[in-house]
N, C-alpha and C. Protein backbone atom coordinates (compact mmCIF):
# COMPACT_ATOMS: atom_id res chain seq x y z
N MET A 1 108.91 127.22 98.30
CA MET A 1 108.88 126.13 99.27
C MET A 1 110.03 125.18 98.99
N ARG A 2 110.46 124.52 100.01
CA ARG A 2 111.51 123.52 99.87
C ARG A 2 110.98 122.21 100.44
N VAL A 3 111.39 121.11 99.81
CA VAL A 3 111.06 119.78 100.32
C VAL A 3 112.33 118.96 100.34
N LYS A 4 112.33 117.91 101.13
CA LYS A 4 113.50 117.06 101.28
C LYS A 4 113.20 115.70 100.67
N THR A 5 114.16 115.12 99.97
CA THR A 5 113.96 113.79 99.40
C THR A 5 114.20 112.73 100.48
N SER A 6 113.44 111.64 100.38
CA SER A 6 113.64 110.51 101.30
C SER A 6 114.80 109.66 100.79
N SER A 7 115.13 108.62 101.52
CA SER A 7 116.21 107.72 101.10
C SER A 7 115.87 107.02 99.78
N LYS A 8 114.58 106.98 99.42
CA LYS A 8 114.15 106.35 98.17
C LYS A 8 113.93 107.39 97.06
N GLY A 9 114.29 108.64 97.31
CA GLY A 9 114.12 109.68 96.31
C GLY A 9 112.71 110.26 96.27
N GLN A 10 111.89 109.94 97.24
CA GLN A 10 110.51 110.43 97.26
C GLN A 10 110.45 111.83 97.86
N VAL A 11 109.49 112.61 97.39
CA VAL A 11 109.24 113.94 97.96
C VAL A 11 107.75 114.04 98.28
N VAL A 12 107.44 114.88 99.24
CA VAL A 12 106.05 115.17 99.57
C VAL A 12 105.71 116.50 98.95
N ILE A 13 104.64 116.52 98.16
CA ILE A 13 104.16 117.77 97.57
C ILE A 13 103.38 118.49 98.67
N PRO A 14 103.74 119.72 98.99
CA PRO A 14 103.06 120.43 100.07
C PRO A 14 101.55 120.49 99.85
N LYS A 15 100.80 120.43 100.95
CA LYS A 15 99.34 120.39 100.90
C LYS A 15 98.76 121.57 100.13
N GLU A 16 99.31 122.75 100.30
CA GLU A 16 98.78 123.92 99.60
C GLU A 16 98.84 123.73 98.08
N ILE A 17 99.92 123.14 97.61
CA ILE A 17 100.07 122.89 96.18
C ILE A 17 99.13 121.79 95.73
N ARG A 18 99.04 120.69 96.51
CA ARG A 18 98.12 119.60 96.16
C ARG A 18 96.69 120.12 96.07
N ASP A 19 96.29 120.92 97.05
CA ASP A 19 94.93 121.47 97.04
C ASP A 19 94.69 122.38 95.84
N ALA A 20 95.66 123.24 95.55
CA ALA A 20 95.51 124.18 94.44
C ALA A 20 95.38 123.47 93.10
N LEU A 21 96.05 122.32 92.95
CA LEU A 21 96.03 121.60 91.68
C LEU A 21 95.07 120.41 91.67
N GLY A 22 94.38 120.18 92.79
CA GLY A 22 93.43 119.07 92.85
C GLY A 22 94.10 117.71 92.86
N ILE A 23 95.30 117.63 93.41
CA ILE A 23 96.03 116.35 93.48
C ILE A 23 95.56 115.60 94.71
N LYS A 24 95.05 114.42 94.48
CA LYS A 24 94.52 113.57 95.56
C LYS A 24 95.32 112.27 95.59
N PRO A 25 95.19 111.46 96.65
CA PRO A 25 95.86 110.16 96.66
C PRO A 25 95.46 109.36 95.42
N GLY A 26 96.45 108.81 94.74
CA GLY A 26 96.18 108.04 93.52
C GLY A 26 96.21 108.86 92.25
N SER A 27 96.33 110.19 92.36
CA SER A 27 96.40 111.03 91.17
C SER A 27 97.65 110.65 90.36
N ILE A 28 97.52 110.74 89.05
CA ILE A 28 98.65 110.47 88.16
C ILE A 28 99.29 111.80 87.78
N LEU A 29 100.61 111.85 87.88
CA LEU A 29 101.35 113.05 87.52
C LEU A 29 102.29 112.74 86.36
N ASN A 30 102.40 113.68 85.43
CA ASN A 30 103.42 113.60 84.40
C ASN A 30 104.67 114.23 84.97
N VAL A 31 105.84 113.66 84.66
CA VAL A 31 107.10 114.21 85.14
C VAL A 31 108.05 114.33 83.95
N ARG A 32 108.76 115.45 83.91
CA ARG A 32 109.74 115.66 82.85
C ARG A 32 110.86 116.54 83.38
N VAL A 33 111.96 116.55 82.68
CA VAL A 33 113.11 117.36 83.06
C VAL A 33 113.28 118.46 82.01
N GLU A 34 113.44 119.67 82.48
CA GLU A 34 113.74 120.82 81.62
C GLU A 34 115.00 121.47 82.19
N GLY A 35 116.11 121.25 81.49
CA GLY A 35 117.38 121.76 82.01
C GLY A 35 117.69 121.08 83.32
N LYS A 36 117.80 121.88 84.39
CA LYS A 36 118.05 121.32 85.72
C LYS A 36 116.80 121.33 86.58
N LYS A 37 115.63 121.46 85.94
CA LYS A 37 114.37 121.49 86.66
C LYS A 37 113.62 120.18 86.47
N ILE A 38 112.93 119.75 87.52
CA ILE A 38 112.02 118.61 87.44
C ILE A 38 110.61 119.19 87.44
N ILE A 39 109.85 118.91 86.40
CA ILE A 39 108.50 119.45 86.26
C ILE A 39 107.50 118.33 86.54
N LEU A 40 106.64 118.55 87.51
CA LEU A 40 105.53 117.63 87.82
C LEU A 40 104.24 118.35 87.49
N GLU A 41 103.35 117.67 86.77
CA GLU A 41 102.05 118.28 86.51
C GLU A 41 100.98 117.19 86.47
N PRO A 42 99.78 117.51 86.96
CA PRO A 42 98.71 116.51 86.94
C PRO A 42 98.44 116.06 85.51
N ALA A 43 98.31 114.75 85.33
CA ALA A 43 97.94 114.21 84.01
C ALA A 43 96.46 114.50 83.79
N SER A 44 96.08 114.68 82.54
CA SER A 44 94.67 114.90 82.25
C SER A 44 93.89 113.63 82.58
N SER A 45 92.63 113.80 82.89
CA SER A 45 91.77 112.67 83.25
C SER A 45 91.61 111.72 82.07
N PRO A 46 91.47 110.42 82.37
CA PRO A 46 91.23 109.49 81.27
C PRO A 46 89.88 109.78 80.62
N PRO A 47 89.72 109.46 79.35
CA PRO A 47 88.44 109.70 78.70
C PRO A 47 87.32 108.91 79.37
N ASP A 48 86.09 109.38 79.18
CA ASP A 48 84.94 108.76 79.81
C ASP A 48 84.65 107.35 79.29
N VAL A 49 85.40 106.88 78.28
CA VAL A 49 85.13 105.55 77.75
C VAL A 49 85.56 104.46 78.71
N PHE A 50 86.38 104.81 79.71
CA PHE A 50 86.78 103.83 80.70
C PHE A 50 85.65 103.65 81.70
N VAL A 51 85.21 102.42 81.85
CA VAL A 51 84.13 102.12 82.78
C VAL A 51 84.52 100.94 83.64
N GLU A 52 83.91 100.84 84.78
CA GLU A 52 84.16 99.70 85.64
C GLU A 52 83.40 98.50 85.08
N LEU A 53 84.08 97.39 84.99
CA LEU A 53 83.45 96.19 84.45
C LEU A 53 82.67 95.46 85.53
N GLY A 54 81.46 95.13 85.21
CA GLY A 54 80.68 94.28 86.09
C GLY A 54 81.02 92.83 85.79
N GLU A 55 80.45 91.94 86.56
CA GLU A 55 80.74 90.52 86.37
C GLU A 55 80.32 90.04 84.98
N GLU A 56 79.16 90.50 84.50
CA GLU A 56 78.68 90.08 83.18
C GLU A 56 79.59 90.61 82.08
N SER A 57 80.03 91.86 82.20
CA SER A 57 80.95 92.42 81.20
C SER A 57 82.25 91.65 81.17
N GLY A 58 82.76 91.29 82.34
CA GLY A 58 83.98 90.51 82.41
C GLY A 58 83.81 89.16 81.74
N ARG A 59 82.66 88.53 81.94
CA ARG A 59 82.40 87.24 81.31
C ARG A 59 82.38 87.39 79.79
N ILE A 60 81.73 88.45 79.31
CA ILE A 60 81.65 88.68 77.86
C ILE A 60 83.05 88.92 77.29
N LEU A 61 83.88 89.68 77.99
CA LEU A 61 85.23 89.92 77.49
C LEU A 61 86.06 88.65 77.49
N ARG A 62 85.87 87.80 78.49
CA ARG A 62 86.59 86.51 78.49
C ARG A 62 86.15 85.68 77.29
N GLU A 63 84.86 85.73 76.98
CA GLU A 63 84.36 85.01 75.81
C GLU A 63 84.99 85.56 74.53
N ALA A 64 85.21 86.87 74.49
CA ALA A 64 85.76 87.49 73.28
C ALA A 64 87.17 87.01 73.00
N ARG A 65 87.86 86.54 74.02
CA ARG A 65 89.22 86.04 73.83
C ARG A 65 89.24 84.70 73.10
N LYS A 66 88.11 84.03 73.08
CA LYS A 66 88.04 82.75 72.37
C LYS A 66 87.93 83.05 70.88
N ILE A 67 88.77 82.45 70.09
CA ILE A 67 88.86 82.77 68.68
C ILE A 67 87.97 81.87 67.83
N ASP A 68 87.52 80.77 68.36
CA ASP A 68 86.74 79.84 67.54
C ASP A 68 85.40 80.44 67.11
N GLU A 69 84.90 79.99 66.01
CA GLU A 69 83.68 80.55 65.41
C GLU A 69 82.48 80.44 66.35
N GLU A 70 82.36 79.33 67.05
CA GLU A 70 81.22 79.16 67.96
C GLU A 70 81.28 80.19 69.10
N GLY A 71 82.47 80.47 69.61
CA GLY A 71 82.62 81.47 70.66
C GLY A 71 82.23 82.85 70.16
N ILE A 72 82.58 83.17 68.93
CA ILE A 72 82.21 84.47 68.34
C ILE A 72 80.70 84.56 68.20
N LYS A 73 80.06 83.48 67.75
CA LYS A 73 78.60 83.49 67.62
C LYS A 73 77.93 83.68 68.97
N ARG A 74 78.42 83.01 70.00
CA ARG A 74 77.85 83.16 71.35
C ARG A 74 78.03 84.60 71.84
N LEU A 75 79.22 85.16 71.61
CA LEU A 75 79.49 86.53 72.03
C LEU A 75 78.53 87.50 71.35
N LEU A 76 78.37 87.36 70.03
CA LEU A 76 77.45 88.25 69.31
C LEU A 76 76.02 88.08 69.81
N ARG A 77 75.62 86.86 70.09
CA ARG A 77 74.28 86.61 70.60
C ARG A 77 74.10 87.27 71.98
N ASP A 78 75.11 87.11 72.86
CA ASP A 78 75.04 87.71 74.20
C ASP A 78 75.00 89.23 74.13
N LEU A 79 75.68 89.81 73.13
CA LEU A 79 75.68 91.27 72.98
C LEU A 79 74.42 91.78 72.29
N GLY A 80 73.60 90.86 71.78
CA GLY A 80 72.36 91.26 71.12
C GLY A 80 72.56 91.73 69.70
N VAL A 81 73.66 91.30 69.08
CA VAL A 81 73.94 91.69 67.70
C VAL A 81 73.31 90.66 66.77
N GLU A 82 72.61 91.15 65.75
CA GLU A 82 71.96 90.24 64.79
C GLU A 82 72.98 89.38 64.10
N GLY A 83 72.59 88.20 63.74
CA GLY A 83 73.47 87.28 63.03
C GLY A 83 74.32 86.45 63.97
N GLY A 84 74.16 86.65 65.26
CA GLY A 84 74.96 85.90 66.23
C GLY A 84 74.35 84.58 66.60
N SER A 85 73.16 84.26 66.05
CA SER A 85 72.53 82.99 66.44
C SER A 85 72.79 81.92 65.44
């Protein structure tokens, strides 16, 4: 297959290839050069440790940025860790 670059250097990956590799809008691709070839390949999925933060989680993380001892105690208490009171 052949594709044409846009004025910004963009290319469209043909649908057959996107479907075969599971490339969807927003997919991350690794790109590298080998000789005179440009290699594009889907990046592996991020580990499951990434989660969407809810409002309460965001509040707790903002609290964690506070370095003072009282802020640390409140954070530990909110997380339910002993010794945080």
